[in-house]
Amino acid sequence: MSRRTLTSMSPEATATAIRGLLLAVGAVSLGTGASVAVRGSSAIPGGGPTTASTDSVLRFYAVWWAAQGPAAWSLARDPMLDEGRVRVLAGTTFAGGLARIAAMRASGRPHPLFQALTVVELLAPPLLLAARRRVRLPGGR
């Protein structure tokens, strides 16, 4: 969703687009999180054998990532698209992008998929917040 697209969409269409994005993010996070929790590093493009400690941490974090799915779906169903919850989702996504940059600096470039995700994780949150600010929902919020 580009800034130009945001300004040309009605507030109702913007709210619908946000809800669609939240549904998609929820499906991806639940699916990929569950896959990594069950399969470990073999579920990750470019992943391979790792230490027991790294595998343990990876699978633990994967469950937290998977839990973001139902949380995103819940927000998509919220008639008010609670702005505070949208900020938390956008902020944690942006922080995740920054963490990926730290990993690249420490360990080198990851699989191209994760390089692309880094860009999305850094650019999408500001666009999401700008879109949410355009939405006027019942109750004046």
N, C-alpha and C. Protein backbone atom coordinates (compact mmCIF):
# COMPACT_ATOMS: atom_id res chain seq x y z
N MET A 1 0.85 -1.17 0.00
CA MET A 1 0.00 0.00 0.00
C MET A 1 0.89 1.23 0.00
N SER A 2 0.93 1.97 -1.10
CA SER A 2 1.78 3.15 -1.18
C SER A 2 1.07 4.35 -0.57
N ARG A 3 1.85 5.39 -0.30
CA ARG A 3 1.28 6.60 0.27
C ARG A 3 0.25 7.19 -0.68
N ARG A 4 0.52 7.15 -1.98
CA ARG A 4 -0.43 7.68 -2.97
C ARG A 4 -1.74 6.89 -2.92
N THR A 5 -1.65 5.58 -2.82
CA THR A 5 -2.84 4.75 -2.73
C THR A 5 -3.63 5.13 -1.48
N LEU A 6 -2.92 5.35 -0.37
CA LEU A 6 -3.60 5.71 0.88
C LEU A 6 -4.42 6.98 0.73
N THR A 7 -3.87 7.99 0.07
CA THR A 7 -4.58 9.26 -0.02
C THR A 7 -5.76 9.20 -0.98
N SER A 8 -5.76 8.23 -1.90
CA SER A 8 -6.87 8.15 -2.85
C SER A 8 -7.98 7.21 -2.38
N MET A 9 -7.75 6.45 -1.33
CA MET A 9 -8.76 5.52 -0.82
C MET A 9 -9.69 6.22 0.16
N SER A 10 -10.95 5.81 0.16
CA SER A 10 -11.88 6.32 1.15
C SER A 10 -11.49 5.74 2.52
N PRO A 11 -11.89 6.38 3.60
CA PRO A 11 -11.60 5.82 4.93
C PRO A 11 -12.16 4.40 5.10
N GLU A 12 -13.33 4.14 4.52
CA GLU A 12 -13.92 2.80 4.63
C GLU A 12 -13.08 1.78 3.87
N ALA A 13 -12.63 2.15 2.68
CA ALA A 13 -11.77 1.25 1.89
C ALA A 13 -10.43 1.03 2.59
N THR A 14 -9.93 2.08 3.24
CA THR A 14 -8.68 1.95 3.98
C THR A 14 -8.84 0.97 5.13
N ALA A 15 -9.96 1.07 5.86
CA ALA A 15 -10.22 0.14 6.96
C ALA A 15 -10.32 -1.29 6.44
N THR A 16 -10.96 -1.48 5.29
CA THR A 16 -11.07 -2.81 4.68
C THR A 16 -9.69 -3.33 4.30
N ALA A 17 -8.85 -2.47 3.74
CA ALA A 17 -7.49 -2.88 3.37
C ALA A 17 -6.67 -3.27 4.60
N ILE A 18 -6.81 -2.50 5.68
CA ILE A 18 -6.11 -2.83 6.92
C ILE A 18 -6.56 -4.19 7.43
N ARG A 19 -7.86 -4.42 7.42
CA ARG A 19 -8.38 -5.71 7.89
C ARG A 19 -7.85 -6.86 7.03
N GLY A 20 -7.82 -6.67 5.72
CA GLY A 20 -7.27 -7.70 4.83
C GLY A 20 -5.81 -7.97 5.12
N LEU A 21 -5.04 -6.91 5.34
CA LEU A 21 -3.63 -7.07 5.69
C LEU A 21 -3.47 -7.84 6.99
N LEU A 22 -4.28 -7.51 7.98
CA LEU A 22 -4.21 -8.21 9.27
C LEU A 22 -4.57 -9.68 9.13
N LEU A 23 -5.56 -10.00 8.31
CA LEU A 23 -5.92 -11.40 8.09
C LEU A 23 -4.78 -12.16 7.42
N ALA A 24 -4.14 -11.52 6.44
CA ALA A 24 -3.01 -12.17 5.75
C ALA A 24 -1.82 -12.35 6.68
N VAL A 25 -1.48 -11.31 7.43
CA VAL A 25 -0.37 -11.40 8.39
C VAL A 25 -0.65 -12.50 9.41
N GLY A 26 -1.89 -12.58 9.86
CA GLY A 26 -2.26 -13.62 10.82
C GLY A 26 -2.06 -15.01 10.26
N ALA A 27 -2.46 -15.21 9.01
CA ALA A 27 -2.30 -16.53 8.40
C ALA A 27 -0.83 -16.89 8.23
N VAL A 28 -0.04 -15.94 7.77
CA VAL A 28 1.39 -16.20 7.57
C VAL A 28 2.08 -16.47 8.90
N SER A 29 1.81 -15.67 9.91
CA SER A 29 2.50 -15.86 11.19
C SER A 29 2.09 -17.17 11.85
N LEU A 30 0.82 -17.51 11.81
CA LEU A 30 0.40 -18.77 12.41
C LEU A 30 0.99 -19.96 11.64
N GLY A 31 0.92 -19.90 10.32
CA GLY A 31 1.44 -21.01 9.51
C GLY A 31 2.93 -21.19 9.64
N THR A 32 3.69 -20.10 9.49
CA THR A 32 5.15 -20.23 9.56
C THR A 32 5.61 -20.52 10.98
N GLY A 33 4.96 -19.89 11.95
CA GLY A 33 5.35 -20.15 13.35
C GLY A 33 5.12 -21.59 13.74
N ALA A 34 3.96 -22.13 13.36
CA ALA A 34 3.66 -23.52 13.69
C ALA A 34 4.63 -24.46 12.98
N SER A 35 4.97 -24.15 11.73
CA SER A 35 5.90 -24.99 10.98
C SER A 35 7.28 -25.01 11.64
N VAL A 36 7.78 -23.86 12.03
CA VAL A 36 9.09 -23.80 12.67
C VAL A 36 9.05 -24.44 14.05
N ALA A 37 7.96 -24.27 14.78
CA ALA A 37 7.84 -24.89 16.10
C ALA A 37 7.91 -26.42 15.99
N VAL A 38 7.31 -26.97 14.93
CA VAL A 38 7.29 -28.43 14.75
C VAL A 38 8.57 -28.94 14.09
N ARG A 39 9.04 -28.25 13.06
CA ARG A 39 10.15 -28.76 12.25
C ARG A 39 11.52 -28.17 12.59
N GLY A 40 11.53 -27.11 13.39
CA GLY A 40 12.81 -26.49 13.74
C GLY A 40 13.45 -25.79 12.56
N SER A 41 14.77 -25.72 12.55
CA SER A 41 15.48 -24.94 11.54
C SER A 41 15.32 -25.50 10.13
N SER A 42 14.91 -26.74 10.00
CA SER A 42 14.70 -27.29 8.64
C SER A 42 13.51 -26.64 7.94
N ALA A 43 12.66 -25.94 8.68
CA ALA A 43 11.51 -25.25 8.09
C ALA A 43 11.90 -23.89 7.52
N ILE A 44 13.12 -23.46 7.77
CA ILE A 44 13.56 -22.13 7.39
C ILE A 44 14.35 -22.18 6.08
N PRO A 45 13.97 -21.37 5.09
CA PRO A 45 14.75 -21.34 3.85
C PRO A 45 16.22 -21.01 4.15
N GLY A 46 17.11 -21.85 3.71
CA GLY A 46 18.53 -21.66 3.99
C GLY A 46 18.95 -22.19 5.35
N GLY A 47 17.99 -22.72 6.11
CA GLY A 47 18.30 -23.24 7.45
C GLY A 47 18.94 -24.61 7.36
N GLY A 48 19.50 -25.03 8.44
CA GLY A 48 20.15 -26.33 8.47
C GLY A 48 20.36 -26.77 9.91
N PRO A 49 21.19 -27.77 10.09
CA PRO A 49 21.45 -28.25 11.45
C PRO A 49 21.98 -27.13 12.34
N THR A 50 21.63 -27.19 13.60
CA THR A 50 22.03 -26.16 14.55
C THR A 50 22.28 -26.80 15.91
N THR A 51 22.67 -26.01 16.87
CA THR A 51 22.90 -26.54 18.21
C THR A 51 21.57 -26.76 18.92
N ALA A 52 21.60 -27.56 19.95
CA ALA A 52 20.39 -27.83 20.73
C ALA A 52 19.83 -26.55 21.34
N SER A 53 20.70 -25.69 21.83
CA SER A 53 20.24 -24.43 22.44
C SER A 53 19.59 -23.52 21.42
N THR A 54 20.20 -23.40 20.24
CA THR A 54 19.62 -22.56 19.19
C THR A 54 18.28 -23.13 18.74
N ASP A 55 18.20 -24.44 18.59
CA ASP A 55 16.95 -25.09 18.19
C ASP A 55 15.86 -24.83 19.24
N SER A 56 16.24 -24.94 20.50
CA SER A 56 15.28 -24.71 21.59
C SER A 56 14.73 -23.28 21.55
N VAL A 57 15.63 -22.30 21.42
CA VAL A 57 15.21 -20.90 21.39
C VAL A 57 14.36 -20.63 20.15
N LEU A 58 14.80 -21.15 19.01
CA LEU A 58 14.08 -20.94 17.76
C LEU A 58 12.64 -21.45 17.86
N ARG A 59 12.48 -22.66 18.36
CA ARG A 59 11.13 -23.23 18.46
C ARG A 59 10.27 -22.47 19.47
N PHE A 60 10.89 -22.02 20.56
CA PHE A 60 10.16 -21.22 21.55
C PHE A 60 9.65 -19.92 20.92
N TYR A 61 10.54 -19.19 20.23
CA TYR A 61 10.13 -17.95 19.58
C TYR A 61 9.11 -18.19 18.47
N ALA A 62 9.20 -19.33 17.82
CA ALA A 62 8.24 -19.66 16.76
C ALA A 62 6.82 -19.73 17.31
N VAL A 63 6.67 -20.24 18.51
CA VAL A 63 5.34 -20.29 19.13
C VAL A 63 4.81 -18.87 19.37
N TRP A 64 5.68 -17.98 19.82
CA TRP A 64 5.26 -16.59 20.03
C TRP A 64 4.88 -15.95 18.70
N TRP A 65 5.63 -16.22 17.64
CA TRP A 65 5.31 -15.70 16.32
C TRP A 65 3.96 -16.27 15.86
N ALA A 66 3.76 -17.57 16.07
CA ALA A 66 2.49 -18.19 15.68
C ALA A 66 1.32 -17.54 16.42
N ALA A 67 1.53 -17.17 17.68
CA ALA A 67 0.47 -16.54 18.48
C ALA A 67 0.09 -15.17 17.93
N GLN A 68 0.94 -14.56 17.15
CA GLN A 68 0.60 -13.27 16.55
C GLN A 68 -0.54 -13.44 15.55
N GLY A 69 -0.69 -14.65 14.99
CA GLY A 69 -1.76 -14.89 14.02
C GLY A 69 -3.14 -14.62 14.60
N PRO A 70 -3.54 -15.34 15.64
CA PRO A 70 -4.84 -15.07 16.24
C PRO A 70 -4.97 -13.64 16.78
N ALA A 71 -3.86 -13.06 17.25
CA ALA A 71 -3.92 -11.68 17.72
C ALA A 71 -4.23 -10.73 16.56
N ALA A 72 -3.62 -10.96 15.41
CA ALA A 72 -3.90 -10.12 14.23
C ALA A 72 -5.34 -10.33 13.75
N TRP A 73 -5.80 -11.58 13.79
CA TRP A 73 -7.19 -11.85 13.39
C TRP A 73 -8.17 -11.16 14.33
N SER A 74 -7.87 -11.18 15.61
CA SER A 74 -8.73 -10.50 16.59
C SER A 74 -8.79 -9.00 16.30
N LEU A 75 -7.66 -8.41 15.99
CA LEU A 75 -7.63 -6.98 15.67
C LEU A 75 -8.40 -6.71 14.37
N ALA A 76 -8.30 -7.60 13.40
CA ALA A 76 -9.03 -7.42 12.14
C ALA A 76 -10.54 -7.43 12.38
N ARG A 77 -10.99 -8.20 13.37
CA ARG A 77 -12.42 -8.28 13.69
C ARG A 77 -12.89 -7.13 14.59
N ASP A 78 -11.96 -6.38 15.15
CA ASP A 78 -12.31 -5.27 16.04
C ASP A 78 -12.97 -4.15 15.23
N PRO A 79 -14.24 -3.84 15.48
CA PRO A 79 -14.92 -2.80 14.69
C PRO A 79 -14.21 -1.45 14.76
N MET A 80 -13.46 -1.21 15.84
CA MET A 80 -12.78 0.07 16.01
C MET A 80 -11.34 0.05 15.50
N LEU A 81 -10.82 -1.11 15.10
CA LEU A 81 -9.41 -1.23 14.73
C LEU A 81 -8.56 -0.48 15.75
N ASP A 82 -8.66 -0.90 16.99
CA ASP A 82 -8.02 -0.22 18.12
C ASP A 82 -6.64 0.32 17.75
N GLU A 83 -6.52 1.63 17.79
CA GLU A 83 -5.29 2.29 17.35
C GLU A 83 -4.09 1.89 18.20
N GLY A 84 -4.30 1.68 19.48
CA GLY A 84 -3.20 1.26 20.35
C GLY A 84 -2.68 -0.12 19.96
N ARG A 85 -3.59 -1.03 19.67
CA ARG A 85 -3.19 -2.37 19.25
C ARG A 85 -2.50 -2.35 17.88
N VAL A 86 -2.97 -1.48 16.98
CA VAL A 86 -2.31 -1.33 15.68
C VAL A 86 -0.89 -0.81 15.89
N ARG A 87 -0.72 0.16 16.80
CA ARG A 87 0.63 0.69 17.08
C ARG A 87 1.54 -0.39 17.63
N VAL A 88 1.02 -1.24 18.53
CA VAL A 88 1.83 -2.33 19.09
C VAL A 88 2.26 -3.30 17.98
N LEU A 89 1.32 -3.69 17.14
CA LEU A 89 1.63 -4.60 16.03
C LEU A 89 2.67 -3.97 15.10
N ALA A 90 2.46 -2.71 14.74
CA ALA A 90 3.40 -2.03 13.84
C ALA A 90 4.77 -1.87 14.51
N GLY A 91 4.77 -1.52 15.78
CA GLY A 91 6.03 -1.31 16.50
C GLY A 91 6.83 -2.59 16.65
N THR A 92 6.16 -3.69 16.97
CA THR A 92 6.90 -4.95 17.12
C THR A 92 7.40 -5.45 15.77
N THR A 93 6.62 -5.22 14.72
CA THR A 93 7.07 -5.61 13.38
C THR A 93 8.30 -4.80 12.98
N PHE A 94 8.27 -3.50 13.23
CA PHE A 94 9.41 -2.64 12.91
C PHE A 94 10.64 -3.06 13.74
N ALA A 95 10.43 -3.33 15.01
CA ALA A 95 11.54 -3.79 15.86
C ALA A 95 12.12 -5.11 15.34
N GLY A 96 11.26 -5.99 14.84
CA GLY A 96 11.73 -7.24 14.24
C GLY A 96 12.61 -6.97 13.03
N GLY A 97 12.26 -5.99 12.22
CA GLY A 97 13.09 -5.61 11.07
C GLY A 97 14.45 -5.09 11.51
N LEU A 98 14.45 -4.29 12.60
CA LEU A 98 15.72 -3.81 13.13
C LEU A 98 16.57 -4.96 13.66
N ALA A 99 15.92 -5.94 14.28
CA ALA A 99 16.66 -7.11 14.78
C ALA A 99 17.27 -7.89 13.61
N ARG A 100 16.56 -7.96 12.49
CA ARG A 100 17.12 -8.64 11.32
C ARG A 100 18.36 -7.90 10.82
N ILE A 101 18.32 -6.57 10.85
CA ILE A 101 19.50 -5.80 10.43
C ILE A 101 20.67 -6.09 11.36
N ALA A 102 20.41 -6.16 12.67
CA ALA A 102 21.47 -6.50 13.62
C ALA A 102 22.04 -7.88 13.31
N ALA A 103 21.18 -8.82 12.95
CA ALA A 103 21.64 -10.17 12.60
C ALA A 103 22.50 -10.14 11.34
N MET A 104 22.11 -9.34 10.36
CA MET A 104 22.90 -9.24 9.13
C MET A 104 24.28 -8.66 9.42
N ARG A 105 24.33 -7.68 10.29
CA ARG A 105 25.62 -7.08 10.64
C ARG A 105 26.50 -8.08 11.38
N ALA A 106 25.89 -8.90 12.23
CA ALA A 106 26.66 -9.85 13.03
C ALA A 106 27.02 -11.12 12.27
N SER A 107 26.11 -11.57 11.39
CA SER A 107 26.28 -12.90 10.79
C SER A 107 26.32 -12.93 9.27
N GLY A 108 26.09 -11.81 8.62
CA GLY A 108 26.06 -11.79 7.16
C GLY A 108 24.65 -11.82 6.61
N ARG A 109 24.57 -11.78 5.30
CA ARG A 109 23.26 -11.73 4.63
C ARG A 109 22.57 -13.09 4.72
N PRO A 110 21.29 -13.07 5.05
CA PRO A 110 20.52 -14.31 5.08
C PRO A 110 19.97 -14.65 3.70
N HIS A 111 19.17 -15.68 3.66
CA HIS A 111 18.45 -16.08 2.44
C HIS A 111 17.72 -14.85 1.88
N PRO A 112 17.62 -14.71 0.55
CA PRO A 112 16.94 -13.55 -0.06
C PRO A 112 15.52 -13.31 0.48
N LEU A 113 14.80 -14.37 0.85
CA LEU A 113 13.47 -14.18 1.41
C LEU A 113 13.53 -13.28 2.65
N PHE A 114 14.51 -13.53 3.50
CA PHE A 114 14.61 -12.76 4.74
C PHE A 114 15.12 -11.34 4.50
N GLN A 115 15.90 -11.17 3.44
CA GLN A 115 16.30 -9.81 3.07
C GLN A 115 15.07 -9.01 2.63
N ALA A 116 14.21 -9.65 1.84
CA ALA A 116 12.98 -8.98 1.39
C ALA A 116 12.06 -8.70 2.57
N LEU A 117 11.94 -9.66 3.48
CA LEU A 117 11.08 -9.46 4.64
C LEU A 117 11.57 -8.30 5.50
N THR A 118 12.88 -8.13 5.58
CA THR A 118 13.43 -7.01 6.34
C THR A 118 12.93 -5.68 5.79
N VAL A 119 12.94 -5.55 4.48
CA VAL A 119 12.45 -4.33 3.84
C VAL A 119 10.97 -4.12 4.17
N VAL A 120 10.18 -5.17 4.04
CA VAL A 120 8.75 -5.08 4.34
C VAL A 120 8.53 -4.70 5.81
N GLU A 121 9.28 -5.32 6.69
CA GLU A 121 9.11 -5.07 8.13
C GLU A 121 9.51 -3.65 8.54
N LEU A 122 10.34 -3.01 7.74
CA LEU A 122 10.73 -1.64 8.04
C LEU A 122 9.85 -0.61 7.33
N LEU A 123 9.30 -0.95 6.18
CA LEU A 123 8.47 0.01 5.43
C LEU A 123 6.98 -0.10 5.72
N ALA A 124 6.48 -1.30 5.95
CA ALA A 124 5.04 -1.49 6.14
C ALA A 124 4.50 -0.83 7.42
N PRO A 125 5.19 -0.91 8.56
CA PRO A 125 4.62 -0.33 9.78
C PRO A 125 4.28 1.17 9.68
N PRO A 126 5.16 2.02 9.14
CA PRO A 126 4.76 3.43 9.01
C PRO A 126 3.55 3.61 8.09
N LEU A 127 3.48 2.81 7.02
CA LEU A 127 2.32 2.89 6.13
C LEU A 127 1.04 2.43 6.83
N LEU A 128 1.16 1.37 7.62
CA LEU A 128 0.01 0.88 8.38
C LEU A 128 -0.48 1.95 9.36
N LEU A 129 0.44 2.59 10.06
CA LEU A 129 0.05 3.63 11.01
C LEU A 129 -0.59 4.82 10.29
N ALA A 130 -0.04 5.20 9.15
CA ALA A 130 -0.63 6.30 8.39
C ALA A 130 -2.03 5.92 7.90
N ALA A 131 -2.20 4.68 7.47
CA ALA A 131 -3.52 4.22 7.02
C ALA A 131 -4.51 4.25 8.18
N ARG A 132 -4.10 3.77 9.33
CA ARG A 132 -5.01 3.74 10.48
C ARG A 132 -5.44 5.14 10.88
N ARG A 133 -4.54 6.12 10.78
CA ARG A 133 -4.89 7.50 11.13
C ARG A 133 -5.95 8.06 10.18
N ARG A 134 -5.99 7.56 8.94
CA ARG A 134 -6.99 8.03 7.97
C ARG A 134 -8.39 7.49 8.25
N VAL A 135 -8.47 6.43 9.00
CA VAL A 135 -9.75 5.75 9.20
C VAL A 135 -10.55 6.46 10.29
N ARG A 136 -11.78 6.78 9.98
CA ARG A 136 -12.71 7.33 10.97
C ARG A 136 -13.80 6.29 11.16
N LEU A 137 -13.83 5.74 12.35
CA LEU A 137 -14.77 4.66 12.64
C LEU A 137 -15.87 5.16 13.55
N PRO A 138 -16.94 4.37 13.70
CA PRO A 138 -18.03 4.77 14.59
C PRO A 138 -17.49 5.11 15.96
N GLY A 139 -17.98 6.18 16.52
CA GLY A 139 -17.50 6.59 17.84
C GLY A 139 -16.45 7.69 17.72
N GLY A 140 -16.13 8.10 16.48
CA GLY A 140 -15.24 9.22 16.28
C GLY A 140 -13.76 8.91 16.36
N ARG A 141 -13.38 7.63 16.45
CA ARG A 141 -11.96 7.29 16.55
C ARG A 141 -11.38 6.94 15.21
